[in-house]
N, C-alpha and C. Protein backbone atom coordinates (compact mmCIF):
# COMPACT_ATOMS: atom_id res chain seq x y z
N UNK A 1 -6.84 166.28 180.91
CA UNK A 1 -6.63 164.80 180.93
C UNK A 1 -7.70 164.07 181.77
N UNK A 2 -8.07 164.66 182.89
CA UNK A 2 -9.11 164.02 183.73
C UNK A 2 -10.42 163.96 182.97
N UNK A 3 -10.77 164.98 182.22
CA UNK A 3 -11.97 164.99 181.41
C UNK A 3 -11.99 163.86 180.43
N UNK A 4 -10.81 163.60 179.80
CA UNK A 4 -10.72 162.52 178.81
C UNK A 4 -10.89 161.17 179.49
N UNK A 5 -10.33 161.01 180.68
CA UNK A 5 -10.48 159.76 181.43
C UNK A 5 -11.92 159.53 181.78
N UNK A 6 -12.62 160.56 182.25
CA UNK A 6 -14.03 160.46 182.63
C UNK A 6 -14.86 160.07 181.42
N UNK A 7 -14.67 160.72 180.30
CA UNK A 7 -15.45 160.40 179.07
C UNK A 7 -15.18 158.99 178.61
N UNK A 8 -13.92 158.54 178.61
CA UNK A 8 -13.59 157.20 178.24
C UNK A 8 -14.22 156.17 179.16
N UNK A 9 -14.17 156.45 180.45
CA UNK A 9 -14.72 155.56 181.44
C UNK A 9 -16.23 155.40 181.32
N UNK A 10 -16.90 156.47 181.08
CA UNK A 10 -18.39 156.41 181.03
C UNK A 10 -18.89 155.83 179.72
N UNK A 11 -18.07 155.87 178.66
CA UNK A 11 -18.47 155.25 177.39
C UNK A 11 -18.15 153.75 177.34
N UNK A 12 -17.29 153.28 178.23
CA UNK A 12 -16.84 151.91 178.21
C UNK A 12 -17.98 150.93 178.59
N UNK A 13 -17.96 149.76 178.01
CA UNK A 13 -18.99 148.74 178.35
C UNK A 13 -18.75 148.17 179.74
N UNK A 14 -17.52 148.12 180.15
CA UNK A 14 -17.20 147.59 181.53
C UNK A 14 -16.43 148.62 182.28
N UNK A 15 -16.35 148.42 183.58
CA UNK A 15 -15.61 149.37 184.43
C UNK A 15 -14.11 149.29 184.15
N UNK A 16 -13.49 150.41 183.93
CA UNK A 16 -12.07 150.50 183.63
C UNK A 16 -11.26 151.07 184.81
N UNK A 17 -10.05 150.65 184.94
CA UNK A 17 -9.14 151.19 185.97
C UNK A 17 -8.05 151.95 185.26
N UNK A 18 -7.81 153.20 185.66
CA UNK A 18 -6.83 154.10 185.02
C UNK A 18 -5.64 154.32 185.98
N UNK A 19 -4.45 154.03 185.45
CA UNK A 19 -3.23 154.33 186.16
C UNK A 19 -2.87 155.76 185.99
N UNK A 20 -2.82 156.59 187.04
CA UNK A 20 -2.59 158.02 186.91
C UNK A 20 -1.24 158.42 187.52
N UNK A 21 -0.47 157.47 187.98
CA UNK A 21 0.74 157.77 188.73
C UNK A 21 2.02 157.30 188.04
N UNK A 22 2.02 157.18 186.74
CA UNK A 22 3.20 156.61 186.02
C UNK A 22 4.38 157.57 186.00
N UNK A 23 4.14 158.84 185.94
CA UNK A 23 5.21 159.82 185.69
C UNK A 23 5.71 160.54 186.94
N UNK A 24 4.97 160.48 188.06
CA UNK A 24 5.43 161.13 189.23
C UNK A 24 4.74 160.50 190.49
N UNK A 25 5.27 160.77 191.64
CA UNK A 25 4.60 160.30 192.85
C UNK A 25 3.56 161.31 193.25
N UNK A 26 2.31 160.98 193.14
CA UNK A 26 1.21 161.95 193.32
C UNK A 26 1.06 162.41 194.79
N UNK A 27 1.46 161.53 195.70
CA UNK A 27 1.36 162.00 197.12
C UNK A 27 2.38 163.07 197.40
N UNK A 28 3.63 162.91 196.88
CA UNK A 28 4.65 163.94 197.05
C UNK A 28 4.30 165.18 196.29
N UNK A 29 3.87 165.03 195.07
CA UNK A 29 3.44 166.18 194.25
C UNK A 29 2.33 166.96 194.85
N UNK A 30 1.42 166.23 195.49
CA UNK A 30 0.25 166.89 196.08
C UNK A 30 0.63 167.81 197.24
N UNK A 31 1.75 167.55 197.91
CA UNK A 31 2.18 168.38 199.02
C UNK A 31 2.53 169.81 198.54
N UNK A 32 2.73 169.92 197.22
CA UNK A 32 3.00 171.24 196.66
C UNK A 32 1.81 171.84 195.89
N UNK A 33 1.13 170.94 195.12
CA UNK A 33 0.12 171.43 194.14
C UNK A 33 -1.30 171.27 194.53
N UNK A 34 -1.61 170.30 195.47
CA UNK A 34 -3.00 169.98 195.81
C UNK A 34 -3.75 169.33 194.60
N UNK A 35 -3.02 168.95 193.59
CA UNK A 35 -3.63 168.37 192.41
C UNK A 35 -4.42 167.04 192.71
N UNK A 36 -3.85 166.25 193.60
CA UNK A 36 -4.48 164.96 193.86
C UNK A 36 -5.81 165.15 194.53
N UNK A 37 -5.93 166.05 195.46
CA UNK A 37 -7.18 166.33 196.10
C UNK A 37 -8.21 166.79 195.08
N UNK A 38 -7.80 167.69 194.21
CA UNK A 38 -8.69 168.14 193.11
C UNK A 38 -9.16 166.98 192.24
N UNK A 39 -8.23 166.10 191.91
CA UNK A 39 -8.54 164.92 191.02
C UNK A 39 -9.54 164.03 191.68
N UNK A 40 -9.32 163.68 192.96
CA UNK A 40 -10.24 162.81 193.65
C UNK A 40 -11.63 163.43 193.76
N UNK A 41 -11.69 164.64 194.09
CA UNK A 41 -12.97 165.35 194.25
C UNK A 41 -13.74 165.36 192.93
N UNK A 42 -13.00 165.56 191.84
CA UNK A 42 -13.70 165.71 190.52
C UNK A 42 -13.97 164.36 189.84
N UNK A 43 -13.40 163.27 190.37
CA UNK A 43 -13.69 161.97 189.81
C UNK A 43 -14.76 161.23 190.53
N UNK A 44 -15.08 161.62 191.72
CA UNK A 44 -15.94 160.81 192.63
C UNK A 44 -17.32 160.59 192.10
N UNK A 45 -17.87 161.45 191.30
CA UNK A 45 -19.22 161.39 190.84
C UNK A 45 -19.39 160.70 189.46
N UNK A 46 -18.33 160.17 188.93
CA UNK A 46 -18.39 159.43 187.65
C UNK A 46 -19.23 158.19 187.82
N UNK A 47 -19.90 157.80 186.78
CA UNK A 47 -20.82 156.62 186.86
C UNK A 47 -19.98 155.34 186.94
N UNK A 48 -18.85 155.32 186.23
CA UNK A 48 -17.99 154.13 186.24
C UNK A 48 -16.56 154.51 186.31
N UNK A 49 -15.68 153.59 186.66
CA UNK A 49 -14.25 153.81 186.56
C UNK A 49 -13.55 153.87 187.95
N UNK A 50 -12.30 153.53 187.89
CA UNK A 50 -11.43 153.56 189.11
C UNK A 50 -10.12 154.25 188.72
N UNK A 51 -9.61 155.04 189.67
CA UNK A 51 -8.28 155.59 189.47
C UNK A 51 -7.32 154.94 190.46
N UNK A 52 -6.08 154.65 190.02
CA UNK A 52 -5.09 154.03 190.86
C UNK A 52 -3.74 154.68 190.66
N UNK A 53 -2.92 154.68 191.75
CA UNK A 53 -1.59 155.19 191.63
C UNK A 53 -0.73 154.63 192.76
N UNK A 54 0.61 154.50 192.52
CA UNK A 54 1.54 154.05 193.56
C UNK A 54 2.16 155.22 194.30
N UNK A 55 2.71 154.98 195.46
CA UNK A 55 3.46 156.07 196.17
C UNK A 55 4.46 155.45 197.13
N UNK A 56 5.50 156.17 197.43
CA UNK A 56 6.49 155.80 198.44
C UNK A 56 6.43 156.82 199.63
N UNK A 57 5.38 157.58 199.71
CA UNK A 57 5.31 158.64 200.72
C UNK A 57 4.12 158.47 201.64
N UNK A 58 4.27 159.03 202.85
CA UNK A 58 3.23 158.81 203.89
C UNK A 58 2.41 160.06 204.19
N UNK A 59 2.54 161.12 203.37
CA UNK A 59 1.84 162.38 203.63
C UNK A 59 0.39 162.31 203.12
N UNK A 60 -0.43 161.48 203.70
CA UNK A 60 -1.74 161.19 203.21
C UNK A 60 -2.88 161.87 203.95
N UNK A 61 -2.57 162.55 205.04
CA UNK A 61 -3.61 163.11 205.89
C UNK A 61 -4.58 164.04 205.12
N UNK A 62 -4.07 164.76 204.15
CA UNK A 62 -4.92 165.72 203.44
C UNK A 62 -5.97 165.01 202.55
N UNK A 63 -5.80 163.77 202.20
CA UNK A 63 -6.82 163.10 201.35
C UNK A 63 -7.72 162.19 202.19
N UNK A 64 -7.42 162.04 203.46
CA UNK A 64 -8.26 161.17 204.27
C UNK A 64 -9.71 161.60 204.40
N UNK A 65 -10.03 162.94 204.50
CA UNK A 65 -11.41 163.35 204.62
C UNK A 65 -12.18 163.35 203.35
N UNK A 66 -11.53 163.15 202.21
CA UNK A 66 -12.22 163.30 200.92
C UNK A 66 -13.31 162.25 200.69
N UNK A 67 -14.39 162.65 200.09
CA UNK A 67 -15.47 161.72 199.74
C UNK A 67 -15.16 161.12 198.37
N UNK A 68 -14.35 160.05 198.40
CA UNK A 68 -13.80 159.44 197.17
C UNK A 68 -14.75 158.39 196.56
N UNK A 69 -15.78 158.04 197.31
CA UNK A 69 -16.84 157.10 196.80
C UNK A 69 -16.21 155.71 196.44
N UNK A 70 -15.09 155.37 197.04
CA UNK A 70 -14.53 154.06 196.78
C UNK A 70 -13.91 153.89 195.40
N UNK A 71 -13.65 155.02 194.70
CA UNK A 71 -13.19 154.93 193.30
C UNK A 71 -11.69 155.10 193.19
N UNK A 72 -10.97 155.05 194.32
CA UNK A 72 -9.50 155.25 194.26
C UNK A 72 -8.81 154.06 194.90
N UNK A 73 -7.82 153.53 194.17
CA UNK A 73 -6.99 152.46 194.73
C UNK A 73 -5.57 153.06 194.89
N UNK A 74 -5.09 153.05 196.12
CA UNK A 74 -3.74 153.52 196.44
C UNK A 74 -2.79 152.34 196.73
N UNK A 75 -1.72 152.27 195.98
CA UNK A 75 -0.78 151.14 196.15
C UNK A 75 0.50 151.68 196.79
N UNK A 76 0.71 151.31 198.03
CA UNK A 76 1.88 151.75 198.77
C UNK A 76 3.05 150.87 198.42
N UNK A 77 4.12 151.51 197.93
CA UNK A 77 5.37 150.79 197.58
C UNK A 77 6.19 150.64 198.83
N UNK A 78 6.66 149.45 199.11
CA UNK A 78 7.47 149.21 200.30
C UNK A 78 8.74 148.42 199.92
N UNK A 79 9.72 148.51 200.81
CA UNK A 79 10.97 147.78 200.72
C UNK A 79 11.50 147.63 202.11
N UNK A 80 12.47 146.71 202.31
CA UNK A 80 13.07 146.61 203.63
C UNK A 80 13.74 147.92 204.02
N UNK A 81 13.81 148.21 205.31
CA UNK A 81 14.33 149.47 205.81
C UNK A 81 15.79 149.69 205.30
N UNK A 82 16.58 148.61 205.26
CA UNK A 82 17.96 148.75 204.81
C UNK A 82 18.01 149.20 203.37
N UNK A 83 17.17 148.73 202.51
CA UNK A 83 17.13 149.12 201.14
C UNK A 83 16.61 150.53 200.95
N UNK A 84 15.60 150.88 201.74
CA UNK A 84 15.09 152.27 201.70
C UNK A 84 16.22 153.24 202.03
N UNK A 85 17.00 152.91 203.06
CA UNK A 85 18.05 153.80 203.51
C UNK A 85 19.15 153.93 202.46
N UNK A 86 19.45 152.87 201.68
CA UNK A 86 20.61 152.90 200.81
C UNK A 86 20.20 153.29 199.36
N UNK A 87 18.90 153.12 199.02
CA UNK A 87 18.56 153.31 197.63
C UNK A 87 17.41 154.35 197.45
N UNK A 88 16.41 154.33 198.29
CA UNK A 88 15.22 155.17 198.08
C UNK A 88 15.35 156.48 198.87
N UNK A 89 16.35 157.27 198.43
CA UNK A 89 16.68 158.51 199.10
C UNK A 89 15.49 159.48 199.08
N UNK A 90 15.27 160.14 200.22
CA UNK A 90 14.25 161.16 200.29
C UNK A 90 12.83 160.69 200.39
N UNK A 91 12.60 159.40 200.46
CA UNK A 91 11.28 158.87 200.59
C UNK A 91 10.93 158.57 202.04
N UNK A 92 9.68 158.26 202.30
CA UNK A 92 9.24 158.00 203.70
C UNK A 92 9.81 156.74 204.26
N UNK A 93 9.98 156.70 205.53
CA UNK A 93 10.43 155.48 206.20
C UNK A 93 9.38 154.37 206.11
N UNK A 94 9.80 153.16 206.34
CA UNK A 94 8.85 152.03 206.24
C UNK A 94 7.74 152.18 207.25
N UNK A 95 8.05 152.59 208.47
CA UNK A 95 7.02 152.71 209.53
C UNK A 95 5.97 153.75 209.09
N UNK A 96 6.39 154.84 208.47
CA UNK A 96 5.47 155.83 208.00
C UNK A 96 4.56 155.32 206.93
N UNK A 97 5.16 154.52 206.03
CA UNK A 97 4.33 153.96 204.96
C UNK A 97 3.28 152.99 205.47
N UNK A 98 3.69 152.17 206.42
CA UNK A 98 2.74 151.21 207.03
C UNK A 98 1.65 151.92 207.74
N UNK A 99 1.97 152.99 208.51
CA UNK A 99 0.95 153.78 209.19
C UNK A 99 0.01 154.43 208.17
N UNK A 100 0.59 154.85 207.03
CA UNK A 100 -0.30 155.48 206.01
C UNK A 100 -1.27 154.50 205.44
N UNK A 101 -0.85 153.24 205.22
CA UNK A 101 -1.76 152.24 204.76
C UNK A 101 -2.94 152.08 205.73
N UNK A 102 -2.62 151.98 207.02
CA UNK A 102 -3.67 151.84 208.03
C UNK A 102 -4.66 152.99 208.01
N UNK A 103 -4.13 154.21 207.88
CA UNK A 103 -5.00 155.40 207.87
C UNK A 103 -5.85 155.44 206.61
N UNK A 104 -5.26 155.15 205.50
CA UNK A 104 -6.00 155.16 204.23
C UNK A 104 -7.11 154.13 204.24
N UNK A 105 -6.86 152.94 204.80
CA UNK A 105 -7.89 151.89 204.87
C UNK A 105 -9.01 152.36 205.73
N UNK A 106 -8.72 152.98 206.90
CA UNK A 106 -9.75 153.51 207.76
C UNK A 106 -10.63 154.59 207.05
N UNK A 107 -10.00 155.28 206.11
CA UNK A 107 -10.72 156.30 205.39
C UNK A 107 -11.49 155.71 204.19
N UNK A 108 -11.45 154.42 204.02
CA UNK A 108 -12.27 153.73 203.03
C UNK A 108 -11.59 153.52 201.67
N UNK A 109 -10.33 153.86 201.55
CA UNK A 109 -9.65 153.68 200.29
C UNK A 109 -9.39 152.17 200.08
N UNK A 110 -9.35 151.79 198.78
CA UNK A 110 -8.88 150.42 198.44
C UNK A 110 -7.38 150.50 198.45
N UNK A 111 -6.71 149.43 199.00
CA UNK A 111 -5.30 149.50 199.22
C UNK A 111 -4.55 148.27 198.61
N UNK A 112 -3.47 148.57 197.93
CA UNK A 112 -2.56 147.48 197.45
C UNK A 112 -1.21 147.74 198.02
N UNK A 113 -0.39 146.70 198.16
CA UNK A 113 1.00 146.83 198.61
C UNK A 113 1.88 146.41 197.46
N UNK A 114 2.75 147.30 197.07
CA UNK A 114 3.63 147.05 195.92
C UNK A 114 5.07 146.87 196.52
N UNK A 115 5.54 145.63 196.47
CA UNK A 115 6.89 145.34 196.92
C UNK A 115 7.82 145.55 195.75
N UNK A 116 8.43 146.74 195.69
CA UNK A 116 9.17 147.18 194.52
C UNK A 116 10.08 148.35 194.79
N UNK A 117 11.23 148.42 194.11
CA UNK A 117 11.77 147.32 193.33
C UNK A 117 12.48 146.29 194.24
N UNK A 118 12.20 145.02 193.97
CA UNK A 118 12.88 143.95 194.75
C UNK A 118 14.31 143.97 194.24
N UNK A 119 15.21 144.10 195.20
CA UNK A 119 16.65 144.15 194.84
C UNK A 119 17.31 142.98 195.54
N UNK A 120 17.98 142.11 194.73
CA UNK A 120 18.60 140.90 195.24
C UNK A 120 20.02 141.19 195.77
N UNK A 121 20.04 141.86 196.95
CA UNK A 121 21.30 142.01 197.63
C UNK A 121 21.72 140.72 198.29
N UNK A 122 22.87 140.64 198.89
CA UNK A 122 23.40 139.38 199.42
C UNK A 122 22.45 138.73 200.39
N UNK A 123 21.87 139.49 201.29
CA UNK A 123 20.99 138.91 202.33
C UNK A 123 19.54 139.20 202.05
N UNK A 124 19.14 139.12 200.77
CA UNK A 124 17.78 139.51 200.36
C UNK A 124 16.70 138.64 201.03
N UNK A 125 16.96 137.36 201.20
CA UNK A 125 15.94 136.52 201.80
C UNK A 125 15.60 136.99 203.23
N UNK A 126 16.62 137.27 204.01
CA UNK A 126 16.35 137.74 205.39
C UNK A 126 15.66 139.08 205.41
N UNK A 127 16.09 139.98 204.52
CA UNK A 127 15.46 141.36 204.49
C UNK A 127 14.03 141.32 204.12
N UNK A 128 13.68 140.54 203.06
CA UNK A 128 12.30 140.52 202.58
C UNK A 128 11.41 139.66 203.46
N UNK A 129 11.98 138.65 204.09
CA UNK A 129 11.15 137.90 205.10
C UNK A 129 10.80 138.85 206.20
N UNK A 130 11.75 139.61 206.69
CA UNK A 130 11.45 140.52 207.82
C UNK A 130 10.45 141.59 207.36
N UNK A 131 10.54 142.07 206.15
CA UNK A 131 9.58 143.06 205.63
C UNK A 131 8.16 142.51 205.64
N UNK A 132 8.00 141.27 205.13
CA UNK A 132 6.63 140.71 205.07
C UNK A 132 6.12 140.39 206.49
N UNK A 133 7.03 139.89 207.33
CA UNK A 133 6.59 139.63 208.72
C UNK A 133 6.19 140.92 209.42
N UNK A 134 6.93 142.01 209.17
CA UNK A 134 6.60 143.29 209.81
C UNK A 134 5.27 143.83 209.28
N UNK A 135 5.01 143.64 208.03
CA UNK A 135 3.70 144.08 207.49
C UNK A 135 2.55 143.34 208.17
N UNK A 136 2.80 142.09 208.40
CA UNK A 136 1.77 141.27 209.07
C UNK A 136 1.58 141.73 210.52
N UNK A 137 2.62 142.16 211.19
CA UNK A 137 2.56 142.59 212.56
C UNK A 137 1.98 144.01 212.74
N UNK A 138 2.31 144.88 211.81
CA UNK A 138 2.00 146.31 212.03
C UNK A 138 0.77 146.80 211.26
N UNK A 139 0.32 146.08 210.26
CA UNK A 139 -0.97 146.46 209.58
C UNK A 139 -2.12 146.10 210.48
N UNK A 140 -3.16 146.92 210.46
CA UNK A 140 -4.37 146.62 211.22
C UNK A 140 -5.09 145.46 210.59
N UNK A 141 -5.94 144.82 211.37
CA UNK A 141 -6.76 143.73 210.81
C UNK A 141 -7.64 144.22 209.66
N UNK A 142 -8.08 145.42 209.77
CA UNK A 142 -8.92 146.00 208.69
C UNK A 142 -8.14 146.11 207.40
N UNK A 143 -6.86 146.56 207.53
CA UNK A 143 -6.06 146.73 206.35
C UNK A 143 -5.66 145.38 205.75
N UNK A 144 -5.40 144.36 206.60
CA UNK A 144 -4.99 143.09 206.12
C UNK A 144 -6.18 142.30 205.48
N UNK A 145 -7.34 142.72 205.76
CA UNK A 145 -8.52 141.97 205.34
C UNK A 145 -8.59 141.76 203.81
N UNK A 146 -8.31 142.78 203.02
CA UNK A 146 -8.47 142.64 201.60
C UNK A 146 -7.37 143.33 200.78
N UNK A 147 -6.19 143.61 201.44
CA UNK A 147 -5.12 144.21 200.73
C UNK A 147 -4.56 143.18 199.70
N UNK A 148 -4.14 143.70 198.55
CA UNK A 148 -3.54 142.81 197.56
C UNK A 148 -2.07 143.16 197.36
N UNK A 149 -1.35 142.24 196.72
CA UNK A 149 0.10 142.47 196.54
C UNK A 149 0.52 142.49 195.06
N UNK A 150 1.48 143.39 194.74
CA UNK A 150 2.19 143.34 193.44
C UNK A 150 3.64 143.26 193.78
N UNK A 151 4.42 142.49 193.01
CA UNK A 151 5.85 142.28 193.30
C UNK A 151 6.61 142.53 191.98
N UNK A 152 7.55 143.44 191.99
CA UNK A 152 8.29 143.79 190.79
C UNK A 152 9.78 143.72 191.12
N UNK A 153 10.54 142.89 190.33
CA UNK A 153 11.95 142.82 190.45
C UNK A 153 12.62 144.00 189.72
N UNK A 154 13.69 144.45 190.32
CA UNK A 154 14.38 145.64 189.79
C UNK A 154 14.88 145.44 188.35
N UNK A 155 14.71 146.45 187.51
CA UNK A 155 15.41 146.53 186.23
C UNK A 155 16.43 147.64 186.33
N UNK A 156 17.66 147.31 186.08
CA UNK A 156 18.77 148.29 186.18
C UNK A 156 18.88 149.05 184.87
N UNK A 157 18.90 150.37 184.95
CA UNK A 157 19.10 151.26 183.81
C UNK A 157 20.35 152.03 183.97
N UNK A 158 21.28 151.90 182.97
CA UNK A 158 22.53 152.61 183.03
C UNK A 158 22.32 154.13 183.04
N UNK A 159 21.35 154.63 182.20
CA UNK A 159 21.11 156.06 182.09
C UNK A 159 20.54 156.58 183.41
N UNK A 160 19.52 155.91 183.94
CA UNK A 160 18.95 156.38 185.19
C UNK A 160 19.94 156.35 186.34
N UNK A 161 20.82 155.36 186.33
CA UNK A 161 21.82 155.27 187.36
C UNK A 161 22.76 156.47 187.34
N UNK A 162 23.20 156.87 186.11
CA UNK A 162 24.06 157.98 186.01
C UNK A 162 23.41 159.28 186.50
N UNK A 163 22.16 159.42 186.18
CA UNK A 163 21.40 160.62 186.66
C UNK A 163 21.32 160.61 188.20
N UNK A 164 21.00 159.44 188.78
CA UNK A 164 20.89 159.32 190.23
C UNK A 164 22.25 159.57 190.92
N UNK A 165 23.33 159.14 190.26
CA UNK A 165 24.62 159.31 190.87
C UNK A 165 24.99 160.79 190.99
N UNK A 166 24.53 161.57 190.04
CA UNK A 166 24.76 163.03 190.08
C UNK A 166 23.96 163.67 191.20
N UNK A 167 22.71 163.21 191.35
CA UNK A 167 21.83 163.77 192.42
C UNK A 167 22.24 163.26 193.78
N UNK A 168 22.61 161.96 193.83
CA UNK A 168 22.93 161.33 195.14
C UNK A 168 24.31 160.62 195.02
N UNK A 169 25.35 161.40 195.27
CA UNK A 169 26.72 160.85 195.06
C UNK A 169 27.02 159.61 195.94
N UNK A 170 26.32 159.45 197.05
CA UNK A 170 26.58 158.32 197.95
C UNK A 170 25.75 157.08 197.65
N UNK A 171 25.02 157.13 196.55
CA UNK A 171 24.15 155.99 196.23
C UNK A 171 25.00 154.76 195.84
N UNK A 172 24.45 153.60 196.10
CA UNK A 172 25.17 152.37 195.81
C UNK A 172 24.93 151.94 194.36
N UNK A 173 25.90 151.28 193.82
CA UNK A 173 25.76 150.75 192.42
C UNK A 173 25.02 149.41 192.47
N UNK A 174 23.92 149.34 191.83
CA UNK A 174 23.07 148.13 191.94
C UNK A 174 23.33 147.10 190.80
N UNK A 175 24.24 147.43 189.92
CA UNK A 175 24.49 146.50 188.83
C UNK A 175 25.44 145.37 189.31
N UNK A 176 25.07 144.14 189.02
CA UNK A 176 25.83 142.98 189.38
C UNK A 176 25.83 142.03 188.21
N UNK A 177 26.93 141.97 187.50
CA UNK A 177 27.04 141.19 186.27
C UNK A 177 26.89 139.68 186.51
N UNK A 178 27.13 139.27 187.80
CA UNK A 178 27.01 137.86 188.11
C UNK A 178 25.61 137.36 188.10
N UNK A 179 24.66 138.21 188.44
CA UNK A 179 23.26 137.78 188.55
C UNK A 179 22.34 138.52 187.61
N UNK A 180 22.90 139.39 186.71
CA UNK A 180 22.06 140.16 185.76
C UNK A 180 22.37 139.77 184.33
N UNK A 181 21.45 140.04 183.46
CA UNK A 181 21.61 139.83 182.02
C UNK A 181 21.06 141.01 181.27
N UNK A 182 21.56 141.23 180.05
CA UNK A 182 21.15 142.39 179.29
C UNK A 182 19.73 142.30 178.81
N UNK A 183 19.06 143.43 178.82
CA UNK A 183 17.70 143.51 178.31
C UNK A 183 17.60 144.51 177.10
N UNK A 184 18.71 145.10 176.69
CA UNK A 184 18.75 146.03 175.62
C UNK A 184 18.67 147.49 176.03
N UNK A 185 19.25 148.36 175.22
CA UNK A 185 19.25 149.81 175.47
C UNK A 185 19.76 150.20 176.83
N UNK A 186 20.82 149.62 177.27
CA UNK A 186 21.44 149.97 178.55
C UNK A 186 20.68 149.47 179.74
N UNK A 187 19.77 148.50 179.59
CA UNK A 187 19.03 147.99 180.72
C UNK A 187 19.42 146.53 181.00
N UNK A 188 19.32 146.16 182.28
CA UNK A 188 19.66 144.84 182.69
C UNK A 188 18.58 144.39 183.70
N UNK A 189 18.35 143.09 183.72
CA UNK A 189 17.50 142.57 184.79
C UNK A 189 18.05 141.26 185.25
N UNK A 190 17.45 140.72 186.30
CA UNK A 190 18.00 139.51 186.94
C UNK A 190 17.84 138.29 186.07
N UNK A 191 18.84 137.41 186.12
CA UNK A 191 18.73 136.19 185.33
C UNK A 191 17.48 135.37 185.70
N UNK A 192 17.05 134.56 184.75
CA UNK A 192 15.77 133.86 184.90
C UNK A 192 15.77 132.97 186.13
N UNK A 193 16.90 132.27 186.37
CA UNK A 193 16.93 131.35 187.52
C UNK A 193 16.72 132.07 188.83
N UNK A 194 17.27 133.29 188.97
CA UNK A 194 17.09 134.07 190.19
C UNK A 194 15.71 134.60 190.27
N UNK A 195 15.12 134.99 189.15
CA UNK A 195 13.74 135.49 189.13
C UNK A 195 12.76 134.37 189.53
N UNK A 196 13.05 133.18 189.11
CA UNK A 196 12.19 132.01 189.51
C UNK A 196 12.33 131.73 190.98
N UNK A 197 13.56 131.82 191.45
CA UNK A 197 13.82 131.59 192.90
C UNK A 197 13.12 132.67 193.72
N UNK A 198 13.17 133.90 193.27
CA UNK A 198 12.53 134.98 193.99
C UNK A 198 11.00 134.87 193.95
N UNK A 199 10.50 134.36 192.80
CA UNK A 199 9.04 134.24 192.70
C UNK A 199 8.49 133.17 193.69
N UNK A 200 9.19 132.07 193.78
CA UNK A 200 8.85 131.01 194.74
C UNK A 200 8.89 131.54 196.16
N UNK A 201 9.97 132.27 196.44
CA UNK A 201 10.15 132.82 197.83
C UNK A 201 9.01 133.71 198.20
N UNK A 202 8.64 134.69 197.32
CA UNK A 202 7.63 135.63 197.66
C UNK A 202 6.25 134.96 197.78
N UNK A 203 5.96 134.00 196.89
CA UNK A 203 4.71 133.32 196.97
C UNK A 203 4.57 132.57 198.30
N UNK A 204 5.71 131.94 198.71
CA UNK A 204 5.66 131.22 200.00
C UNK A 204 5.51 132.15 201.20
N UNK A 205 6.22 133.30 201.15
CA UNK A 205 6.13 134.21 202.29
C UNK A 205 4.75 134.87 202.40
N UNK A 206 4.19 135.29 201.25
CA UNK A 206 2.84 135.88 201.28
C UNK A 206 1.80 134.83 201.71
N UNK A 207 1.95 133.62 201.31
CA UNK A 207 1.02 132.57 201.70
C UNK A 207 1.14 132.31 203.19
N UNK A 208 2.31 132.43 203.75
CA UNK A 208 2.55 132.17 205.15
C UNK A 208 1.92 133.29 206.03
N UNK A 209 2.18 134.53 205.65
CA UNK A 209 1.79 135.67 206.50
C UNK A 209 0.46 136.30 206.07
N UNK A 210 0.09 136.13 204.82
CA UNK A 210 -1.19 136.67 204.30
C UNK A 210 -1.93 135.62 203.45
N UNK A 211 -2.37 134.54 204.12
CA UNK A 211 -2.88 133.36 203.38
C UNK A 211 -4.17 133.65 202.63
N UNK A 212 -4.86 134.75 202.97
CA UNK A 212 -6.17 135.02 202.34
C UNK A 212 -6.10 136.14 201.36
N UNK A 213 -4.88 136.66 201.05
CA UNK A 213 -4.73 137.83 200.18
C UNK A 213 -4.16 137.43 198.83
N UNK A 214 -4.48 138.17 197.83
CA UNK A 214 -4.07 137.89 196.47
C UNK A 214 -2.76 138.54 196.10
N UNK A 215 -1.96 137.84 195.30
CA UNK A 215 -0.80 138.39 194.60
C UNK A 215 -1.28 138.62 193.17
N UNK A 216 -1.35 139.87 192.70
CA UNK A 216 -1.81 140.11 191.38
C UNK A 216 -0.82 139.65 190.32
N UNK A 217 0.50 139.87 190.57
CA UNK A 217 1.56 139.42 189.68
C UNK A 217 2.88 139.54 190.37
N UNK A 218 3.84 138.78 189.82
CA UNK A 218 5.24 138.87 190.20
C UNK A 218 6.03 138.95 188.86
N UNK A 219 6.70 140.07 188.66
CA UNK A 219 7.42 140.23 187.41
C UNK A 219 8.80 140.82 187.59
């Protein structure tokens, strides 16, 4: 697969960015396979192209010394600590993720912050305000200099929820018929009015705490 990406990249008229983390968390997987280190080492000498992937894990020390040639974008997924504790079982704590961002930036990686999935719990405004304020306080100036943001609202899947309930019996049910609407095939997302409210909120908060940084999208 990497050979195919490299060939496609080098034949392209413009520089392409390839998402390589759609099916698994590569930082977690790498703790067992070392595949990510191999991938970075073998992609660094391509003439064109960028690789990118998201992660919810902080085990990044093994890739810090790699000569990545600036060709890797790592997007750290974050959420308020309360939501991590109740929903993102088995993932790294928020403090660990923030520390990982700082270390990755010092190692020369391009960094994005993925606020996802945004979950509209009862006190969501307070939780996400505190998250963004904490990012501003705990990220280094170097990390804050050019980090970008992506914001994704949660889509509820009936099938995935049933699978998660078997693996994590104490997980909370995130479906809320009062604020969600059907999207087809057992999936639900937040009603448009709430999505618009959330979009305004996040744009205002990012502008307040990260006035010089870009939001790539809010969906």
